[in-house]
């Protein structure tokens, strides 16, 4: 085994101003306290917040700054994700930076959290990279893990550890925790699901191992989570099965069928097409058609009334609910 240590950094993320300065301070403290850490992972959209107005071109100034910081500390850096502008398109992109300050990979989120993360173009390429003498790592972002095909594909490409920045500030975080753990177990892989706190997250980051055990589940406050992983454990689990039992990857490899749901033809898609368009629900579509007729006042028939007039919002509030 070649020891390799990863620190997930669950920090307060502001939606109204940059967080890069605070991230750099966190890295300074991390290296001073835990000099043995070799990689740091932040949450989704951590550097510049969740507004597409902050999108920068590929290899922009913020990414260049992170390259300098990675080289300064001599560690691998996954600084969450940032909105990346390519022509008229905007992607939700995670760069992977080596200890020498070089971007070795960029991953564009495949499943923006539609219909809430509007205007963000989905990526189409999977991302794995090698840490010399250690092993192969994969990258996915937040809502991607709700689609098990993403992790399964990364693992089929040889990934032994999945780095998964997330930004969950909604009530479904309790649902995501078992999803992250399940991704680890059914693929016999380490899974680092790192969330933010404050404006852009409810915390509760989770790190799971290839046996399906939870290595650490964070609180709802800021936390630094340094964990030493053992990729030989992944290889052993894949050889003899999860906890010596199910050899899921071998069974998937030896499957006797190709799944018809992936063929995108009229027969396999018929039910899915009947579900209707992917749009944000309105009051009417949620069975509240009569709500607009509720009299204004301190207490209408259904309880306290909402705001009496429109609420103005600025660019900082025009943000997608990333998942």
Protein backbone atom coordinates (compact mmCIF):
# COMPACT_ATOMS: atom_id res chain seq x y z
CA UNK A 1 0.00 0.00 0.00
CA UNK A 2 1.11 3.54 -0.83
CA UNK A 3 -0.58 5.75 1.78
CA UNK A 4 -2.58 8.61 0.32
CA UNK A 5 -4.37 11.22 2.39
CA UNK A 6 -7.32 13.34 1.28
CA UNK A 7 -8.87 16.19 3.23
CA UNK A 8 -12.45 17.14 2.51
CA UNK A 9 -13.02 20.77 3.48
CA UNK A 10 -16.57 21.65 4.47
CA UNK A 11 -16.57 25.43 4.79
CA UNK A 12 -18.96 28.35 4.90
CA UNK A 13 -19.77 29.36 1.32
CA UNK A 14 -21.24 32.79 0.58
CA UNK A 15 -23.62 33.29 -2.33
CA UNK A 16 -23.00 37.05 -2.43
CA UNK A 17 -19.21 37.38 -2.55
CA UNK A 18 -16.14 35.38 -3.51
CA UNK A 19 -14.89 32.59 -1.27
CA UNK A 20 -11.46 32.16 -2.84
CA UNK A 21 -9.66 34.14 -0.14
CA UNK A 22 -11.23 32.01 2.59
CA UNK A 23 -10.38 28.82 0.68
CA UNK A 24 -6.72 29.83 0.48
CA UNK A 25 -6.72 30.51 4.22
CA UNK A 26 -8.26 27.09 4.85
CA UNK A 27 -5.50 25.48 2.80
CA UNK A 28 -2.80 27.35 4.73
CA UNK A 29 -4.28 26.09 7.99
CA UNK A 30 -4.76 22.56 6.61
CA UNK A 31 -1.12 22.21 5.59
CA UNK A 32 0.12 23.68 8.86
CA UNK A 33 -2.02 21.32 10.96
CA UNK A 34 -1.91 18.20 8.81
CA UNK A 35 1.26 18.37 6.69
CA UNK A 36 0.80 14.74 5.65
CA UNK A 37 -2.33 15.51 3.62
CA UNK A 38 -1.74 15.08 -0.13
CA UNK A 39 -5.05 16.21 -1.63
CA UNK A 40 -7.76 18.73 -0.70
CA UNK A 41 -11.35 18.69 -1.97
CA UNK A 42 -13.88 21.54 -1.63
CA UNK A 43 -17.62 21.71 -2.31
CA UNK A 44 -19.48 22.48 -5.54
CA UNK A 45 -19.41 26.14 -6.65
CA UNK A 46 -17.38 27.00 -3.57
CA UNK A 47 -14.92 29.53 -5.06
CA UNK A 48 -17.30 32.05 -6.66
CA UNK A 49 -20.73 31.01 -5.45
CA UNK A 50 -23.79 29.75 -7.33
CA UNK A 51 -24.42 32.64 -9.72
CA UNK A 52 -23.67 32.09 -13.44
CA UNK A 53 -22.88 35.83 -13.59
CA UNK A 54 -19.51 34.86 -12.08
CA UNK A 55 -18.61 32.48 -14.90
CA UNK A 56 -15.02 32.73 -16.12
CA UNK A 57 -13.42 31.46 -19.32
CA UNK A 58 -11.61 28.13 -19.34
CA UNK A 59 -8.37 28.52 -17.40
CA UNK A 60 -9.48 31.89 -16.01
CA UNK A 61 -7.83 33.93 -13.29
CA UNK A 62 -9.37 32.03 -10.38
CA UNK A 63 -8.20 28.69 -11.72
CA UNK A 64 -4.72 30.15 -12.28
CA UNK A 65 -4.64 31.32 -8.67
CA UNK A 66 -5.53 27.84 -7.47
CA UNK A 67 -2.70 26.44 -9.59
CA UNK A 68 -0.30 28.72 -7.74
CA UNK A 69 -1.71 27.67 -4.37
CA UNK A 70 -1.46 23.96 -5.22
CA UNK A 71 2.18 24.41 -6.25
CA UNK A 72 2.89 26.46 -3.12
CA UNK A 73 1.67 23.66 -0.86
CA UNK A 74 2.70 20.77 -3.10
CA UNK A 75 -0.68 19.04 -2.98
CA UNK A 76 -3.40 17.86 -5.30
CA UNK A 77 -6.26 20.35 -5.33
CA UNK A 78 -9.89 19.89 -6.33
CA UNK A 79 -11.30 23.37 -5.58
CA UNK A 80 -14.95 22.42 -5.84
CA UNK A 81 -16.42 23.66 -9.11
CA UNK A 82 -16.88 26.96 -10.90
CA UNK A 83 -19.05 28.17 -13.74
CA UNK A 84 -17.00 28.04 -16.93
CA UNK A 85 -17.91 30.13 -19.97
CA UNK A 86 -17.21 28.65 -23.40
CA UNK A 87 -18.59 30.93 -26.11
CA UNK A 88 -22.29 31.33 -25.34
CA UNK A 89 -22.38 28.23 -23.12
CA UNK A 90 -21.86 27.94 -19.37
CA UNK A 91 -20.75 24.71 -17.72
CA UNK A 92 -20.41 23.71 -14.07
CA UNK A 93 -16.77 22.61 -14.10
CA UNK A 94 -14.35 21.04 -11.64
CA UNK A 95 -10.63 21.42 -12.35
CA UNK A 96 -8.13 18.91 -11.00
CA UNK A 97 -4.77 20.50 -10.19
CA UNK A 98 -1.53 18.59 -9.57
CA UNK A 99 1.05 19.37 -6.86
CA UNK A 100 3.14 21.10 -9.51
CA UNK A 101 0.29 23.52 -10.23
CA UNK A 102 -0.83 21.99 -13.54
CA UNK A 103 -4.48 21.37 -14.47
CA UNK A 104 -4.49 17.66 -15.37
CA UNK A 105 -8.24 17.38 -15.97
CA UNK A 106 -11.48 19.32 -16.05
CA UNK A 107 -14.86 17.74 -15.48
CA UNK A 108 -18.11 19.34 -16.64
CA UNK A 109 -21.19 18.30 -14.68
CA UNK A 110 -23.30 15.91 -16.74
CA UNK A 111 -26.56 16.36 -14.88
CA UNK A 112 -27.28 19.99 -13.96
CA UNK A 113 -30.08 20.02 -11.37
CA UNK A 114 -32.92 20.61 -13.80
CA UNK A 115 -35.35 22.26 -13.80
CA UNK A 116 -33.71 24.46 -11.14
CA UNK A 117 -30.13 24.81 -12.42
CA UNK A 118 -31.36 26.49 -15.59
CA UNK A 119 -29.13 27.74 -18.37
CA UNK A 120 -26.24 25.43 -17.51
CA UNK A 121 -25.08 23.19 -20.34
CA UNK A 122 -24.42 19.55 -19.42
CA UNK A 123 -21.02 18.03 -20.04
CA UNK A 124 -20.64 14.87 -22.08
CA UNK A 125 -17.24 13.46 -21.09
CA UNK A 126 -16.29 11.37 -18.07
CA UNK A 127 -13.23 12.31 -16.06
CA UNK A 128 -10.60 10.03 -14.55
CA UNK A 129 -6.99 10.85 -13.72
CA UNK A 130 -4.05 9.01 -12.24
CA UNK A 131 -2.04 9.89 -9.16
CA UNK A 132 1.36 8.30 -9.89
CA UNK A 133 2.19 5.26 -7.74
CA UNK A 134 -1.20 5.54 -5.98
CA UNK A 135 -4.13 4.82 -8.28
CA UNK A 136 -6.90 6.17 -10.48
CA UNK A 137 -9.46 8.76 -9.38
CA UNK A 138 -12.78 9.82 -10.88
CA UNK A 139 -14.72 13.07 -10.61
CA UNK A 140 -18.46 13.75 -10.55
CA UNK A 141 -20.53 16.64 -9.22
CA UNK A 142 -23.58 16.69 -6.95
CA UNK A 143 -26.71 15.60 -8.88
CA UNK A 144 -24.59 13.27 -11.03
CA UNK A 145 -24.60 10.67 -8.25
CA UNK A 146 -28.40 10.34 -8.47
CA UNK A 147 -27.71 8.61 -11.80
CA UNK A 148 -25.79 5.41 -10.91
CA UNK A 149 -24.55 5.10 -14.46
CA UNK A 150 -22.11 7.97 -13.81
CA UNK A 151 -20.24 6.26 -10.99
CA UNK A 152 -20.46 2.86 -12.68
CA UNK A 153 -18.85 4.30 -15.81
CA UNK A 154 -16.02 5.94 -13.85
CA UNK A 155 -15.37 2.67 -12.07
CA UNK A 156 -15.46 0.78 -15.37
CA UNK A 157 -12.73 3.19 -16.50
CA UNK A 158 -10.67 2.09 -13.50
CA UNK A 159 -11.52 4.70 -10.85
CA UNK A 160 -10.82 3.51 -7.30
CA UNK A 161 -11.83 6.72 -5.55
CA UNK A 162 -14.59 9.16 -6.56
CA UNK A 163 -14.20 12.85 -5.69
CA UNK A 164 -17.65 14.39 -5.56
CA UNK A 165 -18.11 18.10 -4.75
CA UNK A 166 -21.74 18.89 -3.94
CA UNK A 167 -23.88 21.90 -3.07
CA UNK A 168 -26.99 20.77 -1.26
CA UNK A 169 -28.86 23.40 0.71
CA UNK A 170 -32.23 21.67 0.47
CA UNK A 171 -34.28 19.24 2.57
CA UNK A 172 -33.17 16.17 0.59
CA UNK A 173 -29.70 15.95 2.12
CA UNK A 174 -30.86 12.99 4.21
CA UNK A 175 -31.70 11.20 0.95
CA UNK A 176 -28.28 11.94 -0.54
CA UNK A 177 -26.35 10.37 2.34
CA UNK A 178 -27.45 6.79 1.58
CA UNK A 179 -27.08 7.46 -2.15
CA UNK A 180 -23.41 8.38 -1.62
CA UNK A 181 -22.87 5.33 0.57
CA UNK A 182 -24.61 3.09 -1.94
CA UNK A 183 -22.47 4.44 -4.79
CA UNK A 184 -19.43 3.38 -2.75
CA UNK A 185 -20.76 -0.06 -1.90
CA UNK A 186 -22.17 -1.19 -5.24
CA UNK A 187 -19.02 -0.04 -7.03
CA UNK A 188 -16.49 -1.04 -4.35
CA UNK A 189 -14.94 2.42 -4.38
CA UNK A 190 -14.06 5.24 -1.98
CA UNK A 191 -16.58 8.07 -2.28
CA UNK A 192 -15.86 11.61 -1.02
CA UNK A 193 -19.08 13.64 -1.09
CA UNK A 194 -18.09 17.14 0.13
CA UNK A 195 -20.81 19.74 0.81
CA UNK A 196 -20.66 23.37 1.93
CA UNK A 197 -22.40 25.19 4.77
CA UNK A 198 -23.99 28.63 5.03
CA UNK A 199 -25.64 30.07 1.93
CA UNK A 200 -24.59 27.11 -0.19
CA UNK A 201 -25.09 23.97 1.80
CA UNK A 202 -26.37 22.23 4.89
CA UNK A 203 -23.12 20.38 5.51
CA UNK A 204 -23.24 16.69 6.43
CA UNK A 205 -20.47 15.76 4.02
CA UNK A 206 -19.93 12.01 3.88
CA UNK A 207 -16.92 9.83 3.14
CA UNK A 208 -17.64 6.15 2.47
CA UNK A 209 -15.30 3.24 1.82
CA UNK A 210 -15.42 0.33 -0.63
CA UNK A 211 -17.07 -1.97 1.95
CA UNK A 212 -19.99 0.44 2.28
CA UNK A 213 -18.91 1.58 5.73
CA UNK A 214 -19.19 5.28 6.57
CA UNK A 215 -15.70 6.57 7.35
CA UNK A 216 -16.98 9.97 8.42
CA UNK A 217 -20.19 11.96 8.31
CA UNK A 218 -19.76 15.65 9.08
CA UNK A 219 -22.01 17.88 11.14
CA UNK A 220 -23.76 21.00 9.85
CA UNK A 221 -20.81 23.21 10.78
CA UNK A 222 -17.44 23.87 9.22
CA UNK A 223 -15.16 20.83 9.32
CA UNK A 224 -11.83 19.67 7.96
CA UNK A 225 -11.84 15.93 7.32
CA UNK A 226 -8.38 14.43 6.69
CA UNK A 227 -8.64 10.74 5.80
CA UNK A 228 -5.95 8.30 4.73
CA UNK A 229 -7.25 5.90 2.09
CA UNK A 230 -5.96 2.47 1.17
CA UNK A 231 -6.56 1.65 -2.48
CA UNK A 232 -5.33 -1.89 -1.94
CA UNK A 233 -8.56 -2.28 0.06
CA UNK A 234 -10.50 -1.39 -3.09
CA UNK A 235 -8.61 -3.98 -5.09
CA UNK A 236 -9.21 -6.63 -2.45
CA UNK A 237 -12.94 -5.87 -2.23
CA UNK A 238 -13.25 -6.13 -5.99
CA UNK A 239 -11.39 -9.44 -5.93
CA UNK A 240 -13.32 -11.20 -3.15
CA UNK A 241 -16.51 -9.13 -2.89
CA UNK A 242 -17.99 -6.48 -0.60
CA UNK A 243 -17.18 -7.73 2.90
CA UNK A 244 -16.26 -11.01 1.25
CA UNK A 245 -19.70 -11.35 -0.34
CA UNK A 246 -21.16 -9.76 -3.49
CA UNK A 247 -18.73 -9.32 -6.39
CA UNK A 248 -20.89 -6.73 -8.09
CA UNK A 249 -18.43 -5.44 -10.68
CA UNK A 250 -17.66 -8.94 -11.94
CA UNK A 251 -21.36 -9.75 -12.08
CA UNK A 252 -22.02 -6.55 -14.02
CA UNK A 253 -19.15 -7.38 -16.39
CA UNK A 254 -20.54 -10.89 -16.98
CA UNK A 255 -24.19 -9.78 -17.41
CA UNK A 256 -26.14 -11.79 -20.00
CA UNK A 257 -28.17 -8.81 -21.32
CA UNK A 258 -27.81 -5.26 -22.54
CA UNK A 259 -30.30 -3.04 -20.76
CA UNK A 260 -33.07 -1.99 -23.19
CA UNK A 261 -33.72 1.24 -21.27
CA UNK A 262 -30.49 2.63 -22.72
CA UNK A 263 -31.48 2.06 -26.36
CA UNK A 264 -33.67 5.21 -26.69
CA UNK A 265 -36.26 3.66 -28.95
CA UNK A 266 -40.04 4.01 -28.94
CA UNK A 267 -40.59 0.74 -27.11
CA UNK A 268 -38.16 1.27 -24.23
CA UNK A 269 -38.90 5.00 -23.91
CA UNK A 270 -42.69 4.88 -24.09
CA UNK A 271 -43.38 5.25 -20.37
CA UNK A 272 -40.62 7.81 -19.79
CA UNK A 273 -41.97 9.97 -22.61
CA UNK A 274 -45.40 9.92 -20.95
CA UNK A 275 -44.02 11.78 -17.90
CA UNK A 276 -44.22 15.14 -19.63
CA UNK A 277 -41.65 17.94 -20.01
CA UNK A 278 -38.87 18.68 -17.52
CA UNK A 279 -40.10 22.02 -16.19
CA UNK A 280 -40.17 23.79 -12.84
CA UNK A 281 -43.52 23.11 -11.10
CA UNK A 282 -45.90 26.03 -10.71
CA UNK A 283 -48.56 26.52 -8.08
CA UNK A 284 -51.20 25.28 -10.49
CA UNK A 285 -49.23 22.14 -11.31
CA UNK A 286 -48.83 21.43 -7.60
CA UNK A 287 -52.59 21.33 -7.04
CA UNK A 288 -52.78 24.93 -5.78
CA UNK A 289 -54.76 26.53 -8.59
CA UNK A 290 -57.02 28.33 -6.15
CA UNK A 291 -54.19 29.83 -4.16
CA UNK A 292 -54.15 32.97 -6.29
CA UNK A 293 -57.72 33.70 -5.22
CA UNK A 294 -56.86 33.77 -1.51
CA UNK A 295 -57.62 37.28 -0.13
CA UNK A 296 -54.61 39.32 0.90
CA UNK A 297 -54.35 40.16 4.56
CA UNK A 298 -52.74 39.08 7.78
CA UNK A 299 -54.59 35.76 7.77
CA UNK A 300 -56.50 34.42 4.78
CA UNK A 301 -58.49 31.18 4.72
CA UNK A 302 -55.31 29.13 4.35
CA UNK A 303 -53.31 30.94 7.01
CA UNK A 304 -50.92 33.91 6.98
CA UNK A 305 -50.66 35.69 3.68
CA UNK A 306 -47.40 35.98 1.77
CA UNK A 307 -45.69 39.18 0.61
CA UNK A 308 -48.07 41.91 -0.51
CA UNK A 309 -46.05 42.78 -3.60
CA UNK A 310 -43.18 41.65 -5.79
CA UNK A 311 -39.77 41.16 -4.20
CA UNK A 312 -36.87 42.71 -6.08
CA UNK A 313 -33.77 40.58 -6.43
CA UNK A 314 -30.33 41.46 -7.73
CA UNK A 315 -27.86 39.42 -9.74
CA UNK A 316 -26.55 37.67 -6.62
CA UNK A 317 -30.02 36.23 -6.01
CA UNK A 318 -30.47 35.03 -9.58
CA UNK A 319 -28.86 31.72 -8.90
CA UNK A 320 -29.68 28.12 -9.73
CA UNK A 321 -30.42 25.68 -6.97
CA UNK A 322 -27.49 23.41 -7.72
CA UNK A 323 -27.80 19.80 -6.81
